């Protein structure tokens, strides 16, 4: 592995293992934790769904991929997708994913501004 690739993977490991943020969801009486990054593989699946016109599915899958418990484990799993799509208040779900995405973007902008 080249030195640059070593540096790139080390940088990503640092970001992905970094401190989690959280949002409070009063309707669910819960805190949803998340990291500031997701893997390119996870991101590509979300892009594929969204560009394929499956916006709702992309939104729900985004929550599944990003939402964590306080200990860092996933809050939801893929089998939860059907329940989330059909039995959860869509306004709350949209707000949650929007807040997480905004916080993740803010972290990216902040990192860019530091450089």
PDB file of N, CA and C in Angstrom:
ATOM      1  N   UNK A   1       0.845  -1.171   0.000  1.00  0.00           N
ATOM      2  CA  UNK A   1       0.000   0.000   0.000  1.00  0.00           C
ATOM      3  C   UNK A   1       0.900   1.246   0.000  1.00  0.00           C
ATOM      4  N   UNK A   2       0.516   2.238  -0.789  1.00  0.00           N
ATOM      5  CA  UNK A   2       1.325   3.450  -0.866  1.00  0.00           C
ATOM      6  C   UNK A   2       1.150   4.309   0.387  1.00  0.00           C
ATOM      7  N   UNK A   3       2.079   5.185   0.600  1.00  0.00           N
ATOM      8  CA  UNK A   3       2.054   6.090   1.753  1.00  0.00           C
ATOM      9  C   UNK A   3       0.791   6.955   1.729  1.00  0.00           C
ATOM     10  N   UNK A   4       0.417   7.430   0.568  1.00  0.00           N
ATOM     11  CA  UNK A   4      -0.778   8.274   0.463  1.00  0.00           C
ATOM     12  C   UNK A   4      -2.022   7.471   0.794  1.00  0.00           C
ATOM     13  N   UNK A   5      -2.097   6.238   0.307  1.00  0.00           N
ATOM     14  CA  UNK A   5      -3.256   5.405   0.619  1.00  0.00           C
ATOM     15  C   UNK A   5      -3.289   5.073   2.112  1.00  0.00           C
ATOM     16  N   UNK A   6      -2.134   4.835   2.704  1.00  0.00           N
ATOM     17  CA  UNK A   6      -2.063   4.634   4.159  1.00  0.00           C
ATOM     18  C   UNK A   6      -2.615   5.844   4.900  1.00  0.00           C
ATOM     19  N   UNK A   7      -2.200   7.031   4.454  1.00  0.00           N
ATOM     20  CA  UNK A   7      -2.684   8.265   5.080  1.00  0.00           C
ATOM     21  C   UNK A   7      -4.186   8.429   4.906  1.00  0.00           C
ATOM     22  N   UNK A   8      -4.687   8.109   3.709  1.00  0.00           N
ATOM     23  CA  UNK A   8      -6.114   8.252   3.429  1.00  0.00           C
ATOM     24  C   UNK A   8      -6.951   7.311   4.293  1.00  0.00           C
ATOM     25  N   UNK A   9      -6.523   6.068   4.407  1.00  0.00           N
ATOM     26  CA  UNK A   9      -7.294   5.111   5.213  1.00  0.00           C
ATOM     27  C   UNK A   9      -7.187   5.436   6.698  1.00  0.00           C
ATOM     28  N   UNK A  10      -6.039   5.918   7.121  1.00  0.00           N
ATOM     29  CA  UNK A  10      -5.873   6.316   8.519  1.00  0.00           C
ATOM     30  C   UNK A  10      -6.782   7.495   8.851  1.00  0.00           C
ATOM     31  N   UNK A  11      -6.840   8.454   7.940  1.00  0.00           N
ATOM     32  CA  UNK A  11      -7.708   9.622   8.122  1.00  0.00           C
ATOM     33  C   UNK A  11      -9.162   9.181   8.260  1.00  0.00           C
ATOM     34  N   UNK A  12      -9.613   8.290   7.382  1.00  0.00           N
ATOM     35  CA  UNK A  12     -11.004   7.843   7.421  1.00  0.00           C
ATOM     36  C   UNK A  12     -11.294   7.046   8.693  1.00  0.00           C
ATOM     37  N   UNK A  13     -10.382   6.187   9.102  1.00  0.00           N
ATOM     38  CA  UNK A  13     -10.571   5.434  10.350  1.00  0.00           C
ATOM     39  C   UNK A  13     -10.729   6.378  11.529  1.00  0.00           C
ATOM     40  N   UNK A  14      -9.969   7.457  11.528  1.00  0.00           N
ATOM     41  CA  UNK A  14     -10.070   8.447  12.600  1.00  0.00           C
ATOM     42  C   UNK A  14     -11.450   9.101  12.594  1.00  0.00           C
ATOM     43  N   UNK A  15     -11.923   9.470  11.406  1.00  0.00           N
ATOM     44  CA  UNK A  15     -13.234  10.116  11.320  1.00  0.00           C
ATOM     45  C   UNK A  15     -14.362   9.167  11.705  1.00  0.00           C
ATOM     46  N   UNK A  16     -14.295   7.928  11.218  1.00  0.00           N
ATOM     47  CA  UNK A  16     -15.392   6.992  11.448  1.00  0.00           C
ATOM     48  C   UNK A  16     -15.423   6.486  12.894  1.00  0.00           C
ATOM     49  N   UNK A  17     -14.288   6.552  13.568  1.00  0.00           N
ATOM     50  CA  UNK A  17     -14.263   6.111  14.958  1.00  0.00           C
ATOM     51  C   UNK A  17     -14.354   7.294  15.922  1.00  0.00           C
ATOM     52  N   UNK A  18     -14.548   8.475  15.371  1.00  0.00           N
ATOM     53  CA  UNK A  18     -14.595   9.678  16.193  1.00  0.00           C
ATOM     54  C   UNK A  18     -15.858   9.784  17.031  1.00  0.00           C
ATOM     55  N   UNK A  19     -15.931  10.872  17.740  1.00  0.00           N
ATOM     56  CA  UNK A  19     -17.049  11.133  18.647  1.00  0.00           C
ATOM     57  C   UNK A  19     -18.365  11.242  17.872  1.00  0.00           C
ATOM     58  N   UNK A  20     -19.403  10.693  18.445  1.00  0.00           N
ATOM     59  CA  UNK A  20     -20.715  10.766  17.825  1.00  0.00           C
ATOM     60  C   UNK A  20     -21.450  12.016  18.297  1.00  0.00           C
ATOM     61  N   UNK A  21     -22.335  12.482  17.437  1.00  0.00           N
ATOM     62  CA  UNK A  21     -23.246  13.561  17.779  1.00  0.00           C
ATOM     63  C   UNK A  21     -24.620  12.924  18.006  1.00  0.00           C
ATOM     64  N   UNK A  22     -25.568  13.713  18.480  1.00  0.00           N
ATOM     65  CA  UNK A  22     -26.917  13.174  18.594  1.00  0.00           C
ATOM     66  C   UNK A  22     -27.945  14.268  18.378  1.00  0.00           C
ATOM     67  N   UNK A  23     -29.128  13.824  18.027  1.00  0.00           N
ATOM     68  CA  UNK A  23     -30.290  14.706  17.975  1.00  0.00           C
ATOM     69  C   UNK A  23     -31.332  14.114  18.913  1.00  0.00           C
ATOM     70  N   UNK A  24     -32.177  14.976  19.431  1.00  0.00           N
ATOM     71  CA  UNK A  24     -33.245  14.527  20.319  1.00  0.00           C
ATOM     72  C   UNK A  24     -34.531  14.447  19.505  1.00  0.00           C
ATOM     73  N   UNK A  25     -35.248  13.341  19.687  1.00  0.00           N
ATOM     74  CA  UNK A  25     -36.520  13.135  18.993  1.00  0.00           C
ATOM     75  C   UNK A  25     -37.602  12.997  20.057  1.00  0.00           C
ATOM     76  N   UNK A  26     -38.264  14.110  20.412  1.00  0.00           N
ATOM     77  CA  UNK A  26     -39.251  14.060  21.492  1.00  0.00           C
ATOM     78  C   UNK A  26     -40.425  13.118  21.206  1.00  0.00           C
ATOM     79  N   UNK A  27     -40.820  13.018  19.944  1.00  0.00           N
ATOM     80  CA  UNK A  27     -41.943  12.148  19.595  1.00  0.00           C
ATOM     81  C   UNK A  27     -41.644  10.681  19.893  1.00  0.00           C
ATOM     82  N   UNK A  28     -40.386  10.315  19.853  1.00  0.00           N
ATOM     83  CA  UNK A  28     -39.975   8.938  20.102  1.00  0.00           C
ATOM     84  C   UNK A  28     -39.357   8.774  21.487  1.00  0.00           C
ATOM     85  N   UNK A  29     -39.308   9.877  22.236  1.00  0.00           N
ATOM     86  CA  UNK A  29     -38.673   9.864  23.554  1.00  0.00           C
ATOM     87  C   UNK A  29     -37.278   9.233  23.450  1.00  0.00           C
ATOM     88  N   UNK A  30     -36.487   9.768  22.495  1.00  0.00           N
ATOM     89  CA  UNK A  30     -35.193   9.129  22.198  1.00  0.00           C
ATOM     90  C   UNK A  30     -34.158  10.141  21.751  1.00  0.00           C
ATOM     91  N   UNK A  31     -32.915   9.735  21.887  1.00  0.00           N
ATOM     92  CA  UNK A  31     -31.787  10.421  21.282  1.00  0.00           C
ATOM     93  C   UNK A  31     -31.281   9.496  20.187  1.00  0.00           C
ATOM     94  N   UNK A  32     -31.032  10.067  19.027  1.00  0.00           N
ATOM     95  CA  UNK A  32     -30.461   9.296  17.928  1.00  0.00           C
ATOM     96  C   UNK A  32     -29.039   9.804  17.719  1.00  0.00           C
ATOM     97  N   UNK A  33     -28.100   8.900  17.874  1.00  0.00           N
ATOM     98  CA  UNK A  33     -26.688   9.218  17.711  1.00  0.00           C
ATOM     99  C   UNK A  33     -26.273   8.939  16.272  1.00  0.00           C
ATOM    100  N   UNK A  34     -25.239   9.628  15.825  1.00  0.00           N
ATOM    101  CA  UNK A  34     -24.719   9.401  14.479  1.00  0.00           C
ATOM    102  C   UNK A  34     -23.278   9.876  14.410  1.00  0.00           C
ATOM    103  N   UNK A  35     -22.566   9.325  13.427  1.00  0.00           N
ATOM    104  CA  UNK A  35     -21.180   9.717  13.186  1.00  0.00           C
ATOM    105  C   UNK A  35     -21.166  10.750  12.063  1.00  0.00           C
ATOM    106  N   UNK A  36     -20.081  11.443  11.920  1.00  0.00           N
ATOM    107  CA  UNK A  36     -20.026  12.512  10.924  1.00  0.00           C
ATOM    108  C   UNK A  36     -19.803  12.003   9.497  1.00  0.00           C
ATOM    109  N   UNK A  37     -19.531  10.713   9.332  1.00  0.00           N
ATOM    110  CA  UNK A  37     -19.301  10.150   7.996  1.00  0.00           C
ATOM    111  C   UNK A  37     -19.926   8.760   7.890  1.00  0.00           C
ATOM    112  N   UNK A  38     -20.160   8.352   6.653  1.00  0.00           N
ATOM    113  CA  UNK A  38     -20.527   6.962   6.357  1.00  0.00           C
ATOM    114  C   UNK A  38     -19.600   6.500   5.238  1.00  0.00           C
ATOM    115  N   UNK A  39     -19.572   5.205   4.999  1.00  0.00           N
ATOM    116  CA  UNK A  39     -18.666   4.685   3.965  1.00  0.00           C
ATOM    117  C   UNK A  39     -19.179   5.029   2.570  1.00  0.00           C
ATOM    118  N   UNK A  40     -18.278   5.004   1.616  1.00  0.00           N
ATOM    119  CA  UNK A  40     -18.650   5.263   0.226  1.00  0.00           C
ATOM    120  C   UNK A  40     -19.640   4.211  -0.272  1.00  0.00           C
ATOM    121  N   UNK A  41     -19.476   2.980   0.167  1.00  0.00           N
ATOM    122  CA  UNK A  41     -20.402   1.917  -0.226  1.00  0.00           C
ATOM    123  C   UNK A  41     -21.820   2.236   0.267  1.00  0.00           C
ATOM    124  N   UNK A  42     -21.939   2.685   1.511  1.00  0.00           N
ATOM    125  CA  UNK A  42     -23.255   3.049   2.050  1.00  0.00           C
ATOM    126  C   UNK A  42     -23.818   4.255   1.294  1.00  0.00           C
ATOM    127  N   UNK A  43     -22.965   5.227   1.040  1.00  0.00           N
ATOM    128  CA  UNK A  43     -23.386   6.433   0.326  1.00  0.00           C
ATOM    129  C   UNK A  43     -23.845   6.101  -1.087  1.00  0.00           C
ATOM    130  N   UNK A  44     -23.145   5.192  -1.772  1.00  0.00           N
ATOM    131  CA  UNK A  44     -23.503   4.854  -3.148  1.00  0.00           C
ATOM    132  C   UNK A  44     -24.872   4.188  -3.223  1.00  0.00           C
ATOM    133  N   UNK A  45     -25.208   3.388  -2.225  1.00  0.00           N
ATOM    134  CA  UNK A  45     -26.535   2.751  -2.189  1.00  0.00           C
ATOM    135  C   UNK A  45     -27.627   3.811  -2.060  1.00  0.00           C
ATOM    136  N   UNK A  46     -27.402   4.814  -1.221  1.00  0.00           N
ATOM    137  CA  UNK A  46     -28.383   5.892  -1.052  1.00  0.00           C
ATOM    138  C   UNK A  46     -28.539   6.701  -2.343  1.00  0.00           C
ATOM    139  N   UNK A  47     -27.414   6.978  -3.002  1.00  0.00           N
ATOM    140  CA  UNK A  47     -27.455   7.723  -4.268  1.00  0.00           C
ATOM    141  C   UNK A  47     -28.185   6.915  -5.334  1.00  0.00           C
ATOM    142  N   UNK A  48     -27.901   5.622  -5.380  1.00  0.00           N
ATOM    143  CA  UNK A  48     -28.551   4.741  -6.357  1.00  0.00           C
ATOM    144  C   UNK A  48     -30.067   4.747  -6.167  1.00  0.00           C
ATOM    145  N   UNK A  49     -30.518   4.633  -4.931  1.00  0.00           N
ATOM    146  CA  UNK A  49     -31.962   4.650  -4.663  1.00  0.00           C
ATOM    147  C   UNK A  49     -32.579   5.990  -5.047  1.00  0.00           C
ATOM    148  N   UNK A  50     -31.946   7.078  -4.647  1.00  0.00           N
ATOM    149  CA  UNK A  50     -32.484   8.414  -4.922  1.00  0.00           C
ATOM    150  C   UNK A  50     -32.519   8.710  -6.418  1.00  0.00           C
ATOM    151  N   UNK A  51     -31.446   8.376  -7.129  1.00  0.00           N
ATOM    152  CA  UNK A  51     -31.428   8.651  -8.559  1.00  0.00           C
ATOM    153  C   UNK A  51     -32.324   7.698  -9.336  1.00  0.00           C
ATOM    154  N   UNK A  52     -32.700   6.586  -8.721  1.00  0.00           N
ATOM    155  CA  UNK A  52     -33.636   5.655  -9.346  1.00  0.00           C
ATOM    156  C   UNK A  52     -35.090   6.007  -9.043  1.00  0.00           C
ATOM    157  N   UNK A  53     -35.308   7.173  -8.449  1.00  0.00           N
ATOM    158  CA  UNK A  53     -36.670   7.620  -8.153  1.00  0.00           C
ATOM    159  C   UNK A  53     -37.257   7.026  -6.881  1.00  0.00           C
ATOM    160  N   UNK A  54     -36.437   6.347  -6.100  1.00  0.00           N
ATOM    161  CA  UNK A  54     -36.916   5.714  -4.871  1.00  0.00           C
ATOM    162  C   UNK A  54     -36.542   6.592  -3.672  1.00  0.00           C
ATOM    163  N   UNK A  55     -37.058   7.810  -3.680  1.00  0.00           N
ATOM    164  CA  UNK A  55     -36.696   8.813  -2.686  1.00  0.00           C
ATOM    165  C   UNK A  55     -37.057   8.383  -1.273  1.00  0.00           C
ATOM    166  N   UNK A  56     -38.255   7.849  -1.099  1.00  0.00           N
ATOM    167  CA  UNK A  56     -38.702   7.433   0.237  1.00  0.00           C
ATOM    168  C   UNK A  56     -37.828   6.299   0.754  1.00  0.00           C
ATOM    169  N   UNK A  57     -37.549   5.341  -0.088  1.00  0.00           N
ATOM    170  CA  UNK A  57     -36.691   4.229   0.310  1.00  0.00           C
ATOM    171  C   UNK A  57     -35.283   4.719   0.658  1.00  0.00           C
ATOM    172  N   UNK A  58     -34.773   5.683  -0.119  1.00  0.00           N
ATOM    173  CA  UNK A  58     -33.456   6.250   0.163  1.00  0.00           C
ATOM    174  C   UNK A  58     -33.458   6.964   1.511  1.00  0.00           C
ATOM    175  N   UNK A  59     -34.526   7.663   1.800  1.00  0.00           N
ATOM    176  CA  UNK A  59     -34.649   8.373   3.072  1.00  0.00           C
ATOM    177  C   UNK A  59     -34.625   7.399   4.248  1.00  0.00           C
ATOM    178  N   UNK A  60     -35.407   6.338   4.138  1.00  0.00           N
ATOM    179  CA  UNK A  60     -35.473   5.348   5.211  1.00  0.00           C
ATOM    180  C   UNK A  60     -34.148   4.606   5.341  1.00  0.00           C
ATOM    181  N   UNK A  61     -33.560   4.251   4.231  1.00  0.00           N
ATOM    182  CA  UNK A  61     -32.269   3.561   4.293  1.00  0.00           C
ATOM    183  C   UNK A  61     -31.191   4.476   4.877  1.00  0.00           C
ATOM    184  N   UNK A  62     -31.288   5.763   4.611  1.00  0.00           N
ATOM    185  CA  UNK A  62     -30.363   6.723   5.200  1.00  0.00           C
ATOM    186  C   UNK A  62     -30.460   6.691   6.725  1.00  0.00           C
ATOM    187  N   UNK A  63     -31.665   6.639   7.245  1.00  0.00           N
ATOM    188  CA  UNK A  63     -31.848   6.544   8.696  1.00  0.00           C
ATOM    189  C   UNK A  63     -31.261   5.237   9.229  1.00  0.00           C
ATOM    190  N   UNK A  64     -31.510   4.150   8.536  1.00  0.00           N
ATOM    191  CA  UNK A  64     -31.006   2.845   8.978  1.00  0.00           C
ATOM    192  C   UNK A  64     -29.478   2.846   9.031  1.00  0.00           C
ATOM    193  N   UNK A  65     -28.849   3.421   8.022  1.00  0.00           N
ATOM    194  CA  UNK A  65     -27.387   3.433   7.934  1.00  0.00           C
ATOM    195  C   UNK A  65     -26.765   4.374   8.964  1.00  0.00           C
ATOM    196  N   UNK A  66     -27.403   5.506   9.215  1.00  0.00           N
ATOM    197  CA  UNK A  66     -26.785   6.550  10.047  1.00  0.00           C
ATOM    198  C   UNK A  66     -27.159   6.499  11.521  1.00  0.00           C
ATOM    199  N   UNK A  67     -28.372   6.096  11.852  1.00  0.00           N
ATOM    200  CA  UNK A  67     -28.845   6.153  13.244  1.00  0.00           C
ATOM    201  C   UNK A  67     -28.151   5.109  14.105  1.00  0.00           C
ATOM    202  N   UNK A  68     -27.637   5.565  15.237  1.00  0.00           N
ATOM    203  CA  UNK A  68     -26.908   4.692  16.159  1.00  0.00           C
ATOM    204  C   UNK A  68     -27.451   4.823  17.575  1.00  0.00           C
ATOM    205  N   UNK A  69     -27.242   3.782  18.340  1.00  0.00           N
ATOM    206  CA  UNK A  69     -27.478   3.847  19.781  1.00  0.00           C
ATOM    207  C   UNK A  69     -26.273   4.532  20.410  1.00  0.00           C
ATOM    208  N   UNK A  70     -26.380   4.856  21.682  1.00  0.00           N
ATOM    209  CA  UNK A  70     -25.296   5.558  22.361  1.00  0.00           C
ATOM    210  C   UNK A  70     -23.982   4.774  22.319  1.00  0.00           C
ATOM    211  N   UNK A  71     -24.071   3.438  22.300  1.00  0.00           N
ATOM    212  CA  UNK A  71     -22.859   2.613  22.269  1.00  0.00           C
ATOM    213  C   UNK A  71     -22.284   2.439  20.863  1.00  0.00           C
ATOM    214  N   UNK A  72     -22.902   3.083  19.864  1.00  0.00           N
ATOM    215  CA  UNK A  72     -22.392   3.037  18.499  1.00  0.00           C
ATOM    216  C   UNK A  72     -22.993   1.950  17.624  1.00  0.00           C
ATOM    217  N   UNK A  73     -23.788   1.057  18.204  1.00  0.00           N
ATOM    218  CA  UNK A  73     -24.429   0.016  17.401  1.00  0.00           C
ATOM    219  C   UNK A  73     -25.585   0.625  16.611  1.00  0.00           C
ATOM    220  N   UNK A  74     -25.907  -0.011  15.518  1.00  0.00           N
ATOM    221  CA  UNK A  74     -27.015   0.484  14.700  1.00  0.00           C
ATOM    222  C   UNK A  74     -28.330   0.445  15.477  1.00  0.00           C
ATOM    223  N   UNK A  75     -29.082   1.501  15.351  1.00  0.00           N
ATOM    224  CA  UNK A  75     -30.381   1.598  16.004  1.00  0.00           C
ATOM    225  C   UNK A  75     -31.425   0.764  15.263  1.00  0.00           C
ATOM    226  N   UNK A  76     -31.295   0.729  13.938  1.00  0.00           N
ATOM    227  CA  UNK A  76     -32.235  -0.011  13.094  1.00  0.00           C
ATOM    228  C   UNK A  76     -31.449  -0.945  12.176  1.00  0.00           C
ATOM    229  N   UNK A  77     -32.135  -1.977  11.695  1.00  0.00           N
ATOM    230  CA  UNK A  77     -31.551  -2.916  10.741  1.00  0.00           C
ATOM    231  C   UNK A  77     -32.410  -2.942   9.490  1.00  0.00           C
ATOM    232  N   UNK A  78     -31.887  -3.524   8.424  1.00  0.00           N
ATOM    233  CA  UNK A  78     -32.621  -3.563   7.155  1.00  0.00           C
ATOM    234  C   UNK A  78     -34.023  -4.187   7.288  1.00  0.00           C
ATOM    235  N   UNK A  79     -34.220  -5.222   8.109  1.00  0.00           N
ATOM    236  CA  UNK A  79     -35.582  -5.738   8.253  1.00  0.00           C
ATOM    237  C   UNK A  79     -36.576  -4.703   8.826  1.00  0.00           C
ATOM    238  N   UNK A  80     -36.068  -3.648   9.471  1.00  0.00           N
ATOM    239  CA  UNK A  80     -36.926  -2.588  10.005  1.00  0.00           C
ATOM    240  C   UNK A  80     -37.422  -1.642   8.915  1.00  0.00           C
ATOM    241  N   UNK A  81     -36.874  -1.746   7.713  1.00  0.00           N
ATOM    242  CA  UNK A  81     -37.201  -0.813   6.634  1.00  0.00           C
ATOM    243  C   UNK A  81     -38.703  -0.772   6.338  1.00  0.00           C
ATOM    244  N   UNK A  82     -39.340  -1.905   6.245  1.00  0.00           N
ATOM    245  CA  UNK A  82     -40.773  -1.952   5.916  1.00  0.00           C
ATOM    246  C   UNK A  82     -41.591  -1.256   6.999  1.00  0.00           C
ATOM    247  N   UNK A  83     -41.275  -1.517   8.247  1.00  0.00           N
ATOM    248  CA  UNK A  83     -41.993  -0.875   9.351  1.00  0.00           C
ATOM    249  C   UNK A  83     -41.769   0.634   9.314  1.00  0.00           C
ATOM    250  N   UNK A  84     -40.533   1.051   9.127  1.00  0.00           N
ATOM    251  CA  UNK A  84     -40.234   2.486   9.069  1.00  0.00           C
ATOM    252  C   UNK A  84     -40.955   3.160   7.907  1.00  0.00           C
ATOM    253  N   UNK A  85     -41.078   2.480   6.791  1.00  0.00           N
ATOM    254  CA  UNK A  85     -41.730   3.054   5.619  1.00  0.00           C
ATOM    255  C   UNK A  85     -43.248   3.113   5.752  1.00  0.00           C
ATOM    256  N   UNK A  86     -43.826   2.222   6.539  1.00  0.00           N
ATOM    257  CA  UNK A  86     -45.285   2.118   6.574  1.00  0.00           C
ATOM    258  C   UNK A  86     -45.949   2.450   7.896  1.00  0.00           C
ATOM    259  N   UNK A  87     -45.188   2.430   8.985  1.00  0.00           N
ATOM    260  CA  UNK A  87     -45.821   2.576  10.290  1.00  0.00           C
ATOM    261  C   UNK A  87     -45.223   3.669  11.164  1.00  0.00           C
ATOM    262  N   UNK A  88     -44.435   4.560  10.565  1.00  0.00           N
ATOM    263  CA  UNK A  88     -43.800   5.641  11.309  1.00  0.00           C
ATOM    264  C   UNK A  88     -44.217   6.962  10.675  1.00  0.00           C
ATOM    265  N   UNK A  89     -44.446   7.972  11.515  1.00  0.00           N
ATOM    266  CA  UNK A  89     -44.849   9.299  11.041  1.00  0.00           C
ATOM    267  C   UNK A  89     -43.809   9.826  10.046  1.00  0.00           C
ATOM    268  N   UNK A  90     -44.207  10.007   8.781  1.00  0.00           N
ATOM    269  CA  UNK A  90     -43.233  10.442   7.776  1.00  0.00           C
ATOM    270  C   UNK A  90     -42.653  11.828   8.059  1.00  0.00           C
ATOM    271  N   UNK A  91     -43.441  12.720   8.647  1.00  0.00           N
ATOM    272  CA  UNK A  91     -42.924  14.052   8.953  1.00  0.00           C
ATOM    273  C   UNK A  91     -41.772  13.986   9.960  1.00  0.00           C
ATOM    274  N   UNK A  92     -41.911  13.133  10.955  1.00  0.00           N
ATOM    275  CA  UNK A  92     -40.864  12.972  11.968  1.00  0.00           C
ATOM    276  C   UNK A  92     -39.632  12.339  11.330  1.00  0.00           C
ATOM    277  N   UNK A  93     -39.845  11.316  10.534  1.00  0.00           N
ATOM    278  CA  UNK A  93     -38.732  10.631   9.877  1.00  0.00           C
ATOM    279  C   UNK A  93     -37.965  11.579   8.964  1.00  0.00           C
ATOM    280  N   UNK A  94     -38.675  12.377   8.186  1.00  0.00           N
ATOM    281  CA  UNK A  94     -38.038  13.343   7.287  1.00  0.00           C
ATOM    282  C   UNK A  94     -37.246  14.365   8.095  1.00  0.00           C
ATOM    283  N   UNK A  95     -37.824  14.841   9.196  1.00  0.00           N
ATOM    284  CA  UNK A  95     -37.126  15.816  10.034  1.00  0.00           C
ATOM    285  C   UNK A  95     -35.835  15.223  10.612  1.00  0.00           C
ATOM    286  N   UNK A  96     -35.905  13.986  11.110  1.00  0.00           N
ATOM    287  CA  UNK A  96     -34.735  13.321  11.704  1.00  0.00           C
ATOM    288  C   UNK A  96     -33.608  13.208  10.686  1.00  0.00           C
ATOM    289  N   UNK A  97     -33.911  12.678   9.520  1.00  0.00           N
ATOM    290  CA  UNK A  97     -32.878  12.494   8.493  1.00  0.00           C
ATOM    291  C   UNK A  97     -32.338  13.852   8.053  1.00  0.00           C
ATOM    292  N   UNK A  98     -33.207  14.840   7.950  1.00  0.00           N
ATOM    293  CA  UNK A  98     -32.761  16.183   7.587  1.00  0.00           C
ATOM    294  C   UNK A  98     -31.802  16.766   8.614  1.00  0.00           C
ATOM    295  N   UNK A  99     -32.120  16.609   9.900  1.00  0.00           N
ATOM    296  CA  UNK A  99     -31.242  17.119  10.958  1.00  0.00           C
ATOM    297  C   UNK A  99     -29.892  16.404  10.957  1.00  0.00           C
ATOM    298  N   UNK A 100     -29.912  15.098  10.765  1.00  0.00           N
ATOM    299  CA  UNK A 100     -28.654  14.339  10.719  1.00  0.00           C
ATOM    300  C   UNK A 100     -27.814  14.790   9.525  1.00  0.00           C
ATOM    301  N   UNK A 101     -28.451  14.894   8.353  1.00  0.00           N
ATOM    302  CA  UNK A 101     -27.719  15.293   7.149  1.00  0.00           C
ATOM    303  C   UNK A 101     -27.145  16.705   7.284  1.00  0.00           C
ATOM    304  N   UNK A 102     -27.908  17.612   7.872  1.00  0.00           N
ATOM    305  CA  UNK A 102     -27.429  18.979   8.071  1.00  0.00           C
ATOM    306  C   UNK A 102     -26.221  18.998   8.992  1.00  0.00           C
ATOM    307  N   UNK A 103     -26.289  18.245  10.075  1.00  0.00           N
ATOM    308  CA  UNK A 103     -25.159  18.183  11.014  1.00  0.00           C
ATOM    309  C   UNK A 103     -23.928  17.581  10.342  1.00  0.00           C
ATOM    310  N   UNK A 104     -24.134  16.560   9.516  1.00  0.00           N
ATOM    311  CA  UNK A 104     -23.003  15.943   8.817  1.00  0.00           C
ATOM    312  C   UNK A 104     -22.387  16.928   7.826  1.00  0.00           C
ATOM    313  N   UNK A 105     -23.220  17.695   7.117  1.00  0.00           N
ATOM    314  CA  UNK A 105     -22.717  18.695   6.174  1.00  0.00           C
ATOM    315  C   UNK A 105     -21.967  19.800   6.909  1.00  0.00           C
ATOM    316  N   UNK A 106     -22.507  20.227   8.047  1.00  0.00           N
ATOM    317  CA  UNK A 106     -21.843  21.267   8.836  1.00  0.00           C
ATOM    318  C   UNK A 106     -20.443  20.818   9.239  1.00  0.00           C
ATOM    319  N   UNK A 107     -20.291  19.538   9.614  1.00  0.00           N
ATOM    320  CA  UNK A 107     -18.977  19.004   9.963  1.00  0.00           C
ATOM    321  C   UNK A 107     -18.036  19.046   8.762  1.00  0.00           C
ATOM    322  N   UNK A 108     -18.556  18.725   7.580  1.00  0.00           N
ATOM    323  CA  UNK A 108     -17.741  18.727   6.361  1.00  0.00           C
ATOM    324  C   UNK A 108     -17.293  20.146   6.030  1.00  0.00           C
ATOM    325  N   UNK A 109     -18.227  21.097   6.101  1.00  0.00           N
ATOM    326  CA  UNK A 109     -17.898  22.491   5.806  1.00  0.00           C
ATOM    327  C   UNK A 109     -16.865  23.003   6.815  1.00  0.00           C
ATOM    328  N   UNK A 110     -17.045  22.673   8.080  1.00  0.00           N
ATOM    329  CA  UNK A 110     -16.106  23.099   9.119  1.00  0.00           C
ATOM    330  C   UNK A 110     -14.704  22.542   8.854  1.00  0.00           C
ATOM    331  N   UNK A 111     -14.639  21.282   8.464  1.00  0.00           N
ATOM    332  CA  UNK A 111     -13.345  20.663   8.170  1.00  0.00           C
ATOM    333  C   UNK A 111     -12.672  21.334   6.963  1.00  0.00           C
ATOM    334  N   UNK A 112     -13.462  21.672   5.957  1.00  0.00           N
ATOM    335  CA  UNK A 112     -12.919  22.331   4.765  1.00  0.00           C
ATOM    336  C   UNK A 112     -12.395  23.712   5.135  1.00  0.00           C
ATOM    337  N   UNK A 113     -13.150  24.431   5.957  1.00  0.00           N
ATOM    338  CA  UNK A 113     -12.736  25.776   6.341  1.00  0.00           C
ATOM    339  C   UNK A 113     -11.448  25.762   7.151  1.00  0.00           C
ATOM    340  N   UNK A 114     -11.209  24.698   7.917  1.00  0.00           N
ATOM    341  CA  UNK A 114      -9.974  24.589   8.704  1.00  0.00           C
ATOM    342  C   UNK A 114      -8.758  24.431   7.799  1.00  0.00           C
ATOM    343  N   UNK A 115      -8.979  23.811   6.624  1.00  0.00           N
ATOM    344  CA  UNK A 115      -7.863  23.594   5.697  1.00  0.00           C
ATOM    345  C   UNK A 115      -7.704  24.822   4.860  1.00  0.00           C
TER     346      UNK A 115
END
